Amino acid sequence: MSSSPLVAVTGADGFIGSHLVELLVSLGAEVRAFVHYNSRSDWGNLELVPAETRDQIEVVLGDITDPFGVRRAVDDRAVVFHLAALIGIPYSYIAPQSYVETNVTGTLNVLEAVRSTGARMVHTSTSETYGTAQYTPIDEKHPLQGQSPYSASKIGADKMAESYWRSFETQVATLRPFNTFGPRQSLRAVIPTVIAQALSGTEVRLGSLTPVRDFTFVGDTARAFVAVAEHDAALGQTLNAGNGQGITIGSLASLILELLGSDARVEAADERVRPDASEVHELVADASRLTELTGWTPRTTLREGLEQVIEFVRANLGSVKPHVYTV
């Protein structure tokens, strides 16, 4: 990036957001981290980044659904990385309105703010917007399908971003990561929950074992955000970020158990299985467009990334509830 750019990251307290903040600081950016307000002054995953990184960021607490707070957070910033979102698919079945308010209205608030300030915005999408693959690998021309309230809310947010580019020439690009994994990810995600359950017992309970996913290490996803921000050719585009390699959840669990040297038993638990018409059976990325426009390519293999997550979960096992189903 350019010398000492002024940037803001919404959702900086999240899994990917905290890694992106770390990367931006290492690149010399002046980072304002927008963190969801709580009365404990808890900075979420930013609490886990090295102290020397935390000392270099400006943390602002607020709520993405508050347009005034959002405007203050992005004021004077040249680039805004918008990652704030509700992302748990099972919880979207329980509280769908909160997903619309956070993911759609929250995105609208950021778009209005950057429209006013003239900042460049990188909006975060998700591969879940594609639904079950009609063909693989999935390119950006693949139809969108809202198979959960979460994915529907993200489709709405993506289309708001597209509309601001087309209607107002707002400098916005959309990055659509496939399944990102790495240290600091919550047990809501399959990889850390397999590791935590296997380290703390003899049984690993999961949802369906047959869906296919394309896993990208979080460091590579963070680099994709920066690549999109740096290239004018990405403006107005929606760009996939993924490895282009699929693995079933069952095979993934077996690989993790192999790396752990564990003989834990894997079982499909009914309470973890999505409704039939809501399950997304296959997601494998075609990220060639992102590579063509920015030169980005993933660097970390699945096995290498899993070893880093195992190390992290081992070190933090005492602070999680591995056998509680986290929606």
C-alpha atoms as a PDB file:
ATOM      1  CA  MET A   1       0.000   0.000   0.000  1.00  0.00           C
ATOM      2  CA  SER A   2       1.024   3.638  -0.284  1.00  0.00           C
ATOM      3  CA  SER A   3       3.155   5.148   2.474  1.00  0.00           C
ATOM      4  CA  SER A   4       1.224   5.350   5.791  1.00  0.00           C
ATOM      5  CA  PRO A   5      -2.310   5.213   4.314  1.00  0.00           C
ATOM      6  CA  LEU A   6      -5.193   6.155   6.585  1.00  0.00           C
ATOM      7  CA  VAL A   7      -7.519   3.153   6.799  1.00  0.00           C
ATOM      8  CA  ALA A   8     -10.506   1.986   8.821  1.00  0.00           C
ATOM      9  CA  VAL A   9     -11.555  -1.607   9.434  1.00  0.00           C
ATOM     10  CA  THR A  10     -15.108  -2.344  10.548  1.00  0.00           C
ATOM     11  CA  GLY A  11     -15.466  -5.647  12.335  1.00  0.00           C
ATOM     12  CA  ALA A  12     -11.829  -5.316  13.398  1.00  0.00           C
ATOM     13  CA  ASP A  13     -12.592  -7.350  16.525  1.00  0.00           C
ATOM     14  CA  GLY A  14     -13.591 -10.365  14.449  1.00  0.00           C
ATOM     15  CA  PHE A  15     -11.570 -13.319  13.238  1.00  0.00           C
ATOM     16  CA  ILE A  16     -10.601 -12.072   9.773  1.00  0.00           C
ATOM     17  CA  GLY A  17     -10.731  -8.429  10.833  1.00  0.00           C
ATOM     18  CA  SER A  18      -8.073  -8.864  13.512  1.00  0.00           C
ATOM     19  CA  HIS A  19      -5.714 -10.556  11.042  1.00  0.00           C
ATOM     20  CA  LEU A  20      -6.328  -7.822   8.493  1.00  0.00           C
ATOM     21  CA  VAL A  21      -5.521  -5.164  11.105  1.00  0.00           C
ATOM     22  CA  GLU A  22      -2.265  -6.964  11.891  1.00  0.00           C
ATOM     23  CA  LEU A  23      -1.324  -7.086   8.223  1.00  0.00           C
ATOM     24  CA  LEU A  24      -2.177  -3.436   7.628  1.00  0.00           C
ATOM     25  CA  VAL A  25      -0.060  -2.313  10.590  1.00  0.00           C
ATOM     26  CA  SER A  26       2.849  -4.389   9.303  1.00  0.00           C
ATOM     27  CA  LEU A  27       2.496  -2.596   5.952  1.00  0.00           C
ATOM     28  CA  GLY A  28       2.747   0.807   7.612  1.00  0.00           C
ATOM     29  CA  ALA A  29      -0.933   1.808   7.543  1.00  0.00           C
ATOM     30  CA  GLU A  30      -2.477   4.051  10.187  1.00  0.00           C
ATOM     31  CA  VAL A  31      -5.389   1.861  11.278  1.00  0.00           C
ATOM     32  CA  ARG A  32      -8.648   2.863  12.950  1.00  0.00           C
ATOM     33  CA  ALA A  33     -10.329  -0.296  14.237  1.00  0.00           C
ATOM     34  CA  PHE A  34     -14.126  -0.109  14.549  1.00  0.00           C
ATOM     35  CA  VAL A  35     -15.123  -2.569  17.290  1.00  0.00           C
ATOM     36  CA  HIS A  36     -18.621  -3.550  18.401  1.00  0.00           C
ATOM     37  CA  TYR A  37     -19.473  -1.663  21.581  1.00  0.00           C
ATOM     38  CA  ASN A  38     -19.643  -3.540  24.851  1.00  0.00           C
ATOM     39  CA  SER A  39     -19.556  -2.313  28.452  1.00  0.00           C
ATOM     40  CA  ARG A  40     -16.412  -4.335  29.212  1.00  0.00           C
ATOM     41  CA  SER A  41     -14.243  -2.422  26.684  1.00  0.00           C
ATOM     42  CA  ASP A  42     -13.449  -5.844  25.251  1.00  0.00           C
ATOM     43  CA  TRP A  43     -11.714  -5.613  21.869  1.00  0.00           C
ATOM     44  CA  GLY A  44     -12.544  -9.181  20.838  1.00  0.00           C
ATOM     45  CA  ASN A  45      -9.852 -10.869  18.774  1.00  0.00           C
ATOM     46  CA  LEU A  46      -7.753  -7.710  18.839  1.00  0.00           C
ATOM     47  CA  GLU A  47      -6.970  -8.708  22.430  1.00  0.00           C
ATOM     48  CA  LEU A  48      -5.030 -11.637  20.952  1.00  0.00           C
ATOM     49  CA  VAL A  49      -2.789  -9.702  18.577  1.00  0.00           C
ATOM     50  CA  PRO A  50       0.704  -8.784  19.809  1.00  0.00           C
ATOM     51  CA  ALA A  51       0.817  -5.794  22.152  1.00  0.00           C
ATOM     52  CA  GLU A  52       3.105  -3.889  19.808  1.00  0.00           C
ATOM     53  CA  THR A  53       0.382  -4.090  17.147  1.00  0.00           C
ATOM     54  CA  ARG A  54      -2.413  -3.013  19.509  1.00  0.00           C
ATOM     55  CA  ASP A  55      -0.319  -0.016  20.553  1.00  0.00           C
ATOM     56  CA  GLN A  56      -0.276   1.214  16.941  1.00  0.00           C
ATOM     57  CA  ILE A  57      -4.019   1.159  16.263  1.00  0.00           C
ATOM     58  CA  GLU A  58      -6.825   3.526  17.161  1.00  0.00           C
ATOM     59  CA  VAL A  59      -9.779   1.562  18.534  1.00  0.00           C
ATOM     60  CA  VAL A  60     -13.268   3.072  18.244  1.00  0.00           C
ATOM     61  CA  LEU A  61     -16.230   1.313  19.871  1.00  0.00           C
ATOM     62  CA  GLY A  62     -19.618   1.569  18.211  1.00  0.00           C
ATOM     63  CA  ASP A  63     -22.377  -0.252  16.353  1.00  0.00           C
ATOM     64  CA  ILE A  64     -22.483  -0.762  12.598  1.00  0.00           C
ATOM     65  CA  THR A  65     -26.247  -0.138  12.627  1.00  0.00           C
ATOM     66  CA  ASP A  66     -25.692   3.429  13.923  1.00  0.00           C
ATOM     67  CA  PRO A  67     -25.015   5.672  10.895  1.00  0.00           C
ATOM     68  CA  PHE A  68     -23.603   8.496  13.018  1.00  0.00           C
ATOM     69  CA  GLY A  69     -21.039   6.271  14.708  1.00  0.00           C
ATOM     70  CA  VAL A  70     -20.091   4.719  11.385  1.00  0.00           C
ATOM     71  CA  ARG A  71     -19.559   8.135   9.806  1.00  0.00           C
ATOM     72  CA  ARG A  72     -17.290   9.212  12.669  1.00  0.00           C
ATOM     73  CA  ALA A  73     -15.322   5.972  12.393  1.00  0.00           C
ATOM     74  CA  VAL A  74     -14.545   6.371   8.687  1.00  0.00           C
ATOM     75  CA  ASP A  75     -14.139  10.147   8.647  1.00  0.00           C
ATOM     76  CA  ASP A  76     -10.740  11.198   7.170  1.00  0.00           C
ATOM     77  CA  ARG A  77      -9.913   7.613   6.112  1.00  0.00           C
ATOM     78  CA  ALA A  78      -8.716   6.984   2.537  1.00  0.00           C
ATOM     79  CA  VAL A  79      -9.676   3.274   2.534  1.00  0.00           C
ATOM     80  CA  VAL A  80     -12.408   1.491   4.483  1.00  0.00           C
ATOM     81  CA  PHE A  81     -12.398  -2.292   4.820  1.00  0.00           C
ATOM     82  CA  HIS A  82     -15.933  -3.318   5.758  1.00  0.00           C
ATOM     83  CA  LEU A  83     -15.989  -6.653   7.587  1.00  0.00           C
ATOM     84  CA  ALA A  84     -18.558  -6.021  10.329  1.00  0.00           C
ATOM     85  CA  ALA A  85     -21.322  -8.626  10.013  1.00  0.00           C
ATOM     86  CA  LEU A  86     -23.324 -11.322  11.722  1.00  0.00           C
ATOM     87  CA  ILE A  87     -22.011 -14.545  10.167  1.00  0.00           C
ATOM     88  CA  GLY A  88     -23.317 -17.578  12.070  1.00  0.00           C
ATOM     89  CA  ILE A  89     -25.653 -19.481   9.756  1.00  0.00           C
ATOM     90  CA  PRO A  90     -27.504 -21.441  12.493  1.00  0.00           C
ATOM     91  CA  TYR A  91     -28.186 -18.263  14.472  1.00  0.00           C
ATOM     92  CA  SER A  92     -29.665 -16.659  11.353  1.00  0.00           C
ATOM     93  CA  TYR A  93     -32.497 -19.210  11.565  1.00  0.00           C
ATOM     94  CA  ILE A  94     -33.207 -17.932  15.092  1.00  0.00           C
ATOM     95  CA  ALA A  95     -32.758 -14.166  14.660  1.00  0.00           C
ATOM     96  CA  PRO A  96     -33.141 -13.271  10.971  1.00  0.00           C
ATOM     97  CA  GLN A  97     -34.090  -9.633  11.539  1.00  0.00           C
ATOM     98  CA  SER A  98     -30.802  -8.971  13.309  1.00  0.00           C
ATOM     99  CA  TYR A  99     -28.989 -10.186  10.175  1.00  0.00           C
ATOM    100  CA  VAL A 100     -30.862  -7.745   7.979  1.00  0.00           C
ATOM    101  CA  GLU A 101     -30.168  -4.883  10.375  1.00  0.00           C
ATOM    102  CA  THR A 102     -26.473  -5.679  10.767  1.00  0.00           C
ATOM    103  CA  ASN A 103     -25.554  -6.972   7.334  1.00  0.00           C
ATOM    104  CA  VAL A 104     -27.790  -4.933   5.031  1.00  0.00           C
ATOM    105  CA  THR A 105     -28.430  -1.734   6.971  1.00  0.00           C
ATOM    106  CA  GLY A 106     -24.906  -1.773   8.397  1.00  0.00           C
ATOM    107  CA  THR A 107     -23.458  -2.001   4.892  1.00  0.00           C
ATOM    108  CA  LEU A 108     -25.741   0.801   3.744  1.00  0.00           C
ATOM    109  CA  ASN A 109     -24.370   2.976   6.565  1.00  0.00           C
ATOM    110  CA  VAL A 110     -20.785   2.365   5.468  1.00  0.00           C
ATOM    111  CA  LEU A 111     -21.644   3.009   1.821  1.00  0.00           C
ATOM    112  CA  GLU A 112     -23.302   6.319   2.684  1.00  0.00           C
ATOM    113  CA  ALA A 113     -20.298   7.327   4.766  1.00  0.00           C
ATOM    114  CA  VAL A 114     -17.731   6.594   2.063  1.00  0.00           C
ATOM    115  CA  ARG A 115     -19.958   8.168  -0.569  1.00  0.00           C
ATOM    116  CA  SER A 116     -19.826  11.382   1.465  1.00  0.00           C
ATOM    117  CA  THR A 117     -16.106  11.287   2.190  1.00  0.00           C
ATOM    118  CA  GLY A 118     -14.888   9.931  -1.157  1.00  0.00           C
ATOM    119  CA  ALA A 119     -13.038   7.040   0.488  1.00  0.00           C
ATOM    120  CA  ARG A 120     -12.411   3.720  -1.232  1.00  0.00           C
ATOM    121  CA  MET A 121     -14.330   0.795   0.268  1.00  0.00           C
ATOM    122  CA  VAL A 122     -13.674  -2.946   0.162  1.00  0.00           C
ATOM    123  CA  HIS A 123     -16.912  -4.733   1.071  1.00  0.00           C
ATOM    124  CA  THR A 124     -16.917  -8.308   2.361  1.00  0.00           C
ATOM    125  CA  SER A 125     -19.185 -10.904   0.774  1.00  0.00           C
ATOM    126  CA  THR A 126     -19.255 -14.683   1.287  1.00  0.00           C
ATOM    127  CA  SER A 127     -19.303 -17.780  -0.887  1.00  0.00           C
ATOM    128  CA  GLU A 128     -22.571 -18.701   0.851  1.00  0.00           C
ATOM    129  CA  THR A 129     -24.289 -16.217  -1.483  1.00  0.00           C
ATOM    130  CA  TYR A 130     -23.892 -18.760  -4.299  1.00  0.00           C
ATOM    131  CA  GLY A 131     -25.841 -21.500  -2.523  1.00  0.00           C
ATOM    132  CA  THR A 132     -25.206 -25.071  -3.621  1.00  0.00           C
ATOM    133  CA  ALA A 133     -22.976 -25.022  -6.683  1.00  0.00           C
ATOM    134  CA  GLN A 134     -24.651 -25.388 -10.071  1.00  0.00           C
ATOM    135  CA  TYR A 135     -21.151 -25.890 -11.483  1.00  0.00           C
ATOM    136  CA  THR A 136     -17.617 -25.935 -10.102  1.00  0.00           C
ATOM    137  CA  PRO A 137     -15.301 -24.242  -9.770  1.00  0.00           C
ATOM    138  CA  ILE A 138     -17.616 -21.310  -9.046  1.00  0.00           C
ATOM    139  CA  ASP A 139     -16.815 -18.067 -10.844  1.00  0.00           C
ATOM    140  CA  GLU A 140     -18.405 -14.678 -10.222  1.00  0.00           C
ATOM    141  CA  LYS A 141     -21.034 -15.290 -12.930  1.00  0.00           C
ATOM    142  CA  HIS A 142     -22.582 -18.115 -10.914  1.00  0.00           C
ATOM    143  CA  PRO A 143     -26.207 -17.353  -9.896  1.00  0.00           C
ATOM    144  CA  LEU A 144     -26.844 -16.191  -6.329  1.00  0.00           C
ATOM    145  CA  GLN A 145     -29.222 -18.122  -4.085  1.00  0.00           C
ATOM    146  CA  GLY A 146     -30.293 -17.288  -0.542  1.00  0.00           C
ATOM    147  CA  GLN A 147     -30.313 -20.677   1.154  1.00  0.00           C
ATOM    148  CA  SER A 148     -30.263 -19.212   4.669  1.00  0.00           C
ATOM    149  CA  PRO A 149     -31.286 -15.878   6.172  1.00  0.00           C
ATOM    150  CA  TYR A 150     -27.549 -15.202   6.556  1.00  0.00           C
ATOM    151  CA  SER A 151     -26.790 -15.714   2.872  1.00  0.00           C
ATOM    152  CA  ALA A 152     -29.859 -13.721   1.868  1.00  0.00           C
ATOM    153  CA  SER A 153     -28.730 -10.792   4.010  1.00  0.00           C
ATOM    154  CA  LYS A 154     -25.271 -10.911   2.435  1.00  0.00           C
ATOM    155  CA  ILE A 155     -26.768 -10.970  -1.061  1.00  0.00           C
ATOM    156  CA  GLY A 156     -28.700  -7.851  -0.079  1.00  0.00           C
ATOM    157  CA  ALA A 157     -25.520  -6.200   1.214  1.00  0.00           C
ATOM    158  CA  ASP A 158     -23.597  -7.117  -1.936  1.00  0.00           C
ATOM    159  CA  LYS A 159     -26.303  -5.660  -4.134  1.00  0.00           C
ATOM    160  CA  MET A 160     -26.316  -2.437  -2.106  1.00  0.00           C
ATOM    161  CA  ALA A 161     -22.588  -2.144  -2.774  1.00  0.00           C
ATOM    162  CA  GLU A 162     -23.141  -2.797  -6.482  1.00  0.00           C
ATOM    163  CA  SER A 163     -25.911  -0.208  -6.601  1.00  0.00           C
ATOM    164  CA  TYR A 164     -23.719   2.489  -5.050  1.00  0.00           C
ATOM    165  CA  TRP A 165     -21.012   1.824  -7.645  1.00  0.00           C
ATOM    166  CA  ARG A 166     -23.536   2.013 -10.477  1.00  0.00           C
ATOM    167  CA  SER A 167     -25.698   4.834  -9.114  1.00  0.00           C
ATOM    168  CA  PHE A 168     -23.187   7.145  -7.464  1.00  0.00           C
ATOM    169  CA  GLU A 169     -19.772   5.957  -8.729  1.00  0.00           C
ATOM    170  CA  THR A 170     -18.842   5.180  -5.126  1.00  0.00           C
ATOM    171  CA  GLN A 171     -15.368   3.641  -5.036  1.00  0.00           C
ATOM    172  CA  VAL A 172     -16.380   0.198  -3.838  1.00  0.00           C
ATOM    173  CA  ALA A 173     -15.167  -3.307  -4.617  1.00  0.00           C
ATOM    174  CA  THR A 174     -16.519  -6.550  -3.164  1.00  0.00           C
ATOM    175  CA  LEU A 175     -14.303  -9.428  -2.040  1.00  0.00           C
ATOM    176  CA  ARG A 176     -16.077 -12.776  -1.803  1.00  0.00           C
ATOM    177  CA  PRO A 177     -13.934 -15.132   0.318  1.00  0.00           C
ATOM    178  CA  PHE A 178     -14.639 -18.831   0.355  1.00  0.00           C
ATOM    179  CA  ASN A 179     -14.279 -20.617   3.715  1.00  0.00           C
ATOM    180  CA  THR A 180     -11.530 -18.832   5.632  1.00  0.00           C
ATOM    181  CA  PHE A 181      -9.801 -20.599   8.521  1.00  0.00           C
ATOM    182  CA  GLY A 182      -6.932 -19.918  10.894  1.00  0.00           C
ATOM    183  CA  PRO A 183      -5.991 -19.019  14.465  1.00  0.00           C
ATOM    184  CA  ARG A 184      -8.583 -17.045  16.506  1.00  0.00           C
ATOM    185  CA  GLN A 185     -11.579 -18.509  14.678  1.00  0.00           C
ATOM    186  CA  SER A 186     -14.467 -19.331  17.017  1.00  0.00           C
ATOM    187  CA  LEU A 187     -15.801 -22.822  17.640  1.00  0.00           C
ATOM    188  CA  ARG A 188     -18.783 -21.855  15.494  1.00  0.00           C
ATOM    189  CA  ALA A 189     -16.530 -22.914  12.582  1.00  0.00           C
ATOM    190  CA  VAL A 190     -15.847 -26.531  11.727  1.00  0.00           C
ATOM    191  CA  ILE A 191     -12.039 -26.619  11.892  1.00  0.00           C
ATOM    192  CA  PRO A 192     -11.535 -25.261  15.425  1.00  0.00           C
ATOM    193  CA  THR A 193     -14.486 -27.239  16.745  1.00  0.00           C
ATOM    194  CA  VAL A 194     -13.058 -30.521  15.400  1.00  0.00           C
ATOM    195  CA  ILE A 195      -9.682 -29.729  16.938  1.00  0.00           C
ATOM    196  CA  ALA A 196     -11.116 -28.664  20.306  1.00  0.00           C
ATOM    197  CA  GLN A 197     -13.421 -31.671  20.583  1.00  0.00           C
ATOM    198  CA  ALA A 198     -10.665 -34.102  19.617  1.00  0.00           C
ATOM    199  CA  LEU A 199      -8.224 -32.589  22.110  1.00  0.00           C
ATOM    200  CA  SER A 200     -10.726 -32.781  24.959  1.00  0.00           C
ATOM    201  CA  GLY A 201     -12.543 -36.076  24.380  1.00  0.00           C
ATOM    202  CA  THR A 202     -13.029 -39.225  22.352  1.00  0.00           C
ATOM    203  CA  GLU A 203     -15.933 -38.061  20.204  1.00  0.00           C
ATOM    204  CA  VAL A 204     -16.260 -35.312  17.576  1.00  0.00           C
ATOM    205  CA  ARG A 205     -19.854 -34.274  16.855  1.00  0.00           C
ATOM    206  CA  LEU A 206     -20.472 -32.435  13.577  1.00  0.00           C
ATOM    207  CA  GLY A 207     -23.280 -31.633  11.177  1.00  0.00           C
ATOM    208  CA  SER A 208     -23.405 -33.231   7.735  1.00  0.00           C
ATOM    209  CA  LEU A 209     -20.093 -34.809   6.695  1.00  0.00           C
ATOM    210  CA  THR A 210     -20.651 -34.776   2.929  1.00  0.00           C
ATOM    211  CA  PRO A 211     -20.613 -31.055   1.972  1.00  0.00           C
ATOM    212  CA  VAL A 212     -17.530 -29.920   0.052  1.00  0.00           C
ATOM    213  CA  ARG A 213     -15.738 -26.716   1.012  1.00  0.00           C
ATOM    214  CA  ASP A 214     -12.776 -24.704  -0.303  1.00  0.00           C
ATOM    215  CA  PHE A 215     -10.666 -23.542   2.652  1.00  0.00           C
ATOM    216  CA  THR A 216      -8.400 -20.480   2.483  1.00  0.00           C
ATOM    217  CA  PHE A 217      -5.942 -19.590   5.238  1.00  0.00           C
ATOM    218  CA  VAL A 218      -6.750 -16.312   6.978  1.00  0.00           C
ATOM    219  CA  GLY A 219      -3.398 -14.738   6.130  1.00  0.00           C
ATOM    220  CA  ASP A 220      -4.126 -15.267   2.440  1.00  0.00           C
ATOM    221  CA  THR A 221      -7.623 -13.808   2.810  1.00  0.00           C
ATOM    222  CA  ALA A 222      -6.175 -10.736   4.541  1.00  0.00           C
ATOM    223  CA  ARG A 223      -3.728 -10.272   1.661  1.00  0.00           C
ATOM    224  CA  ALA A 224      -6.654 -10.485  -0.769  1.00  0.00           C
ATOM    225  CA  PHE A 225      -8.341  -7.531   0.950  1.00  0.00           C
ATOM    226  CA  VAL A 226      -5.202  -5.446   0.591  1.00  0.00           C
ATOM    227  CA  ALA A 227      -4.752  -6.502  -3.045  1.00  0.00           C
ATOM    228  CA  VAL A 228      -8.299  -5.407  -3.903  1.00  0.00           C
ATOM    229  CA  ALA A 229      -7.793  -2.045  -2.169  1.00  0.00           C
ATOM    230  CA  GLU A 230      -4.573  -1.401  -4.075  1.00  0.00           C
ATOM    231  CA  HIS A 231      -5.854  -2.009  -7.601  1.00  0.00           C
ATOM    232  CA  ASP A 232      -8.142   0.412  -9.433  1.00  0.00           C
ATOM    233  CA  ALA A 233      -9.192  -2.398 -11.766  1.00  0.00           C
ATOM    234  CA  ALA A 234     -11.018  -4.047  -8.853  1.00  0.00           C
ATOM    235  CA  LEU A 235     -13.437  -1.124  -8.401  1.00  0.00           C
ATOM    236  CA  GLY A 236     -17.011  -2.068  -9.232  1.00  0.00           C
ATOM    237  CA  GLN A 237     -16.068  -5.746  -9.267  1.00  0.00           C
ATOM    238  CA  THR A 238     -17.061  -8.713  -7.123  1.00  0.00           C
ATOM    239  CA  LEU A 239     -14.064 -11.014  -6.796  1.00  0.00           C
ATOM    240  CA  ASN A 240     -13.782 -14.531  -5.398  1.00  0.00           C
ATOM    241  CA  ALA A 241     -10.916 -15.461  -3.086  1.00  0.00           C
ATOM    242  CA  GLY A 242     -10.249 -19.168  -2.646  1.00  0.00           C
ATOM    243  CA  ASN A 243      -7.849 -22.020  -3.303  1.00  0.00           C
ATOM    244  CA  GLY A 244      -9.881 -23.823  -5.933  1.00  0.00           C
ATOM    245  CA  GLN A 245      -9.549 -27.113  -4.057  1.00  0.00           C
ATOM    246  CA  GLY A 246     -12.509 -28.800  -2.371  1.00  0.00           C
ATOM    247  CA  ILE A 247     -12.593 -31.274   0.503  1.00  0.00           C
ATOM    248  CA  THR A 248     -15.567 -32.928   2.196  1.00  0.00           C
ATOM    249  CA  ILE A 249     -16.176 -32.121   5.847  1.00  0.00           C
ATOM    250  CA  GLY A 250     -15.693 -35.805   6.667  1.00  0.00           C
ATOM    251  CA  SER A 251     -12.303 -35.934   4.926  1.00  0.00           C
ATOM    252  CA  LEU A 252     -11.306 -32.658   6.577  1.00  0.00           C
ATOM    253  CA  ALA A 253     -12.118 -34.096  10.010  1.00  0.00           C
ATOM    254  CA  SER A 254     -10.047 -37.202   9.196  1.00  0.00           C
ATOM    255  CA  LEU A 255      -7.084 -35.046   8.160  1.00  0.00           C
ATOM    256  CA  ILE A 256      -7.293 -33.043  11.383  1.00  0.00           C
ATOM    257  CA  LEU A 257      -7.417 -36.217  13.485  1.00  0.00           C
ATOM    258  CA  GLU A 258      -4.405 -37.533  11.575  1.00  0.00           C
ATOM    259  CA  LEU A 259      -2.427 -34.355  12.324  1.00  0.00           C
ATOM    260  CA  LEU A 260      -3.459 -34.597  15.979  1.00  0.00           C
ATOM    261  CA  GLY A 261      -2.645 -38.304  16.210  1.00  0.00           C
ATOM    262  CA  SER A 262      -6.149 -38.744  17.621  1.00  0.00           C
ATOM    263  CA  ASP A 263      -8.411 -41.781  17.412  1.00  0.00           C
ATOM    264  CA  ALA A 264     -11.533 -39.791  18.312  1.00  0.00           C
ATOM    265  CA  ARG A 265     -14.767 -40.989  16.696  1.00  0.00           C
ATOM    266  CA  VAL A 266     -16.571 -38.631  14.275  1.00  0.00           C
ATOM    267  CA  GLU A 267     -20.374 -38.581  14.395  1.00  0.00           C
ATOM    268  CA  ALA A 268     -23.031 -36.553  12.586  1.00  0.00           C
ATOM    269  CA  ALA A 269     -25.244 -34.927  15.229  1.00  0.00           C
ATOM    270  CA  ASP A 270     -28.832 -34.109  14.288  1.00  0.00           C
ATOM    271  CA  GLU A 271     -28.835 -30.743  16.094  1.00  0.00           C
ATOM    272  CA  ARG A 272     -25.882 -29.592  13.963  1.00  0.00           C
ATOM    273  CA  VAL A 273     -27.414 -30.502  10.586  1.00  0.00           C
ATOM    274  CA  ARG A 274     -28.909 -27.697   8.503  1.00  0.00           C
ATOM    275  CA  PRO A 275     -32.445 -27.979   7.098  1.00  0.00           C
ATOM    276  CA  ASP A 276     -32.326 -30.005   3.850  1.00  0.00           C
ATOM    277  CA  ALA A 277     -33.086 -27.154   1.469  1.00  0.00           C
ATOM    278  CA  SER A 278     -30.720 -24.828   3.349  1.00  0.00           C
ATOM    279  CA  GLU A 279     -27.587 -26.992   3.247  1.00  0.00           C
ATOM    280  CA  VAL A 280     -24.989 -25.827   0.730  1.00  0.00           C
ATOM    281  CA  HIS A 281     -23.485 -29.014  -0.653  1.00  0.00           C
ATOM    282  CA  GLU A 282     -20.492 -27.797  -2.645  1.00  0.00           C
ATOM    283  CA  LEU A 283     -18.427 -24.603  -2.734  1.00  0.00           C
ATOM    284  CA  VAL A 284     -15.175 -24.558  -4.716  1.00  0.00           C
ATOM    285  CA  ALA A 285     -13.740 -21.246  -5.911  1.00  0.00           C
ATOM    286  CA  ASP A 286     -12.581 -19.987  -9.253  1.00  0.00           C
ATOM    287  CA  ALA A 287     -10.441 -17.044  -8.115  1.00  0.00           C
ATOM    288  CA  SER A 288      -8.772 -16.466 -11.475  1.00  0.00           C
ATOM    289  CA  ARG A 289     -10.404 -13.058 -11.862  1.00  0.00           C
ATOM    290  CA  LEU A 290      -8.846 -11.817  -8.613  1.00  0.00           C
ATOM    291  CA  THR A 291      -5.467 -13.160  -9.708  1.00  0.00           C
ATOM    292  CA  GLU A 292      -5.810 -11.552 -13.139  1.00  0.00           C
ATOM    293  CA  LEU A 293      -6.682  -8.113 -11.756  1.00  0.00           C
ATOM    294  CA  THR A 294      -4.405  -7.983  -8.703  1.00  0.00           C
ATOM    295  CA  GLY A 295      -1.837 -10.782  -8.908  1.00  0.00           C
ATOM    296  CA  TRP A 296      -3.113 -12.351  -5.669  1.00  0.00           C
ATOM    297  CA  THR A 297      -2.611 -16.070  -5.136  1.00  0.00           C
ATOM    298  CA  PRO A 298      -2.924 -18.144  -1.948  1.00  0.00           C
ATOM    299  CA  ARG A 299       0.362 -19.162  -0.311  1.00  0.00           C
ATOM    300  CA  THR A 300      -0.580 -21.417   2.611  1.00  0.00           C
ATOM    301  CA  THR A 301      -1.642 -25.031   2.079  1.00  0.00           C
ATOM    302  CA  LEU A 302      -4.514 -26.583   3.987  1.00  0.00           C
ATOM    303  CA  ARG A 303      -2.140 -28.814   5.961  1.00  0.00           C
ATOM    304  CA  GLU A 304       0.162 -25.905   6.855  1.00  0.00           C
ATOM    305  CA  GLY A 305      -2.772 -23.811   7.988  1.00  0.00           C
ATOM    306  CA  LEU A 306      -4.284 -26.631  10.033  1.00  0.00           C
ATOM    307  CA  GLU A 307      -1.019 -27.048  11.925  1.00  0.00           C
ATOM    308  CA  GLN A 308      -1.179 -23.375  12.931  1.00  0.00           C
ATOM    309  CA  VAL A 309      -4.790 -23.695  14.086  1.00  0.00           C
ATOM    310  CA  ILE A 310      -3.943 -26.816  16.101  1.00  0.00           C
ATOM    311  CA  GLU A 311      -1.152 -24.925  17.853  1.00  0.00           C
ATOM    312  CA  PHE A 312      -3.511 -22.038  18.648  1.00  0.00           C
ATOM    313  CA  VAL A 313      -6.364 -24.232  19.934  1.00  0.00           C
ATOM    314  CA  ARG A 314      -3.973 -26.250  22.104  1.00  0.00           C
ATOM    315  CA  ALA A 315      -2.720 -23.039  23.717  1.00  0.00           C
ATOM    316  CA  ASN A 316      -6.250 -21.716  24.332  1.00  0.00           C
ATOM    317  CA  LEU A 317      -8.226 -24.887  25.066  1.00  0.00           C
ATOM    318  CA  GLY A 318      -8.925 -23.816  28.627  1.00  0.00           C
ATOM    319  CA  SER A 319     -10.888 -20.763  27.499  1.00  0.00           C
ATOM    320  CA  VAL A 320     -13.398 -22.541  25.211  1.00  0.00           C
ATOM    321  CA  LYS A 321     -16.343 -24.935  25.598  1.00  0.00           C
ATOM    322  CA  PRO A 322     -15.535 -27.656  23.046  1.00  0.00           C
ATOM    323  CA  HIS A 323     -18.616 -29.814  23.640  1.00  0.00           C
ATOM    324  CA  VAL A 324     -21.172 -27.002  23.585  1.00  0.00           C
ATOM    325  CA  TYR A 325     -22.786 -26.482  20.169  1.00  0.00           C
ATOM    326  CA  THR A 326     -22.041 -22.866  19.248  1.00  0.00           C
ATOM    327  CA  VAL A 327     -24.590 -21.402  16.837  1.00  0.00           C
END
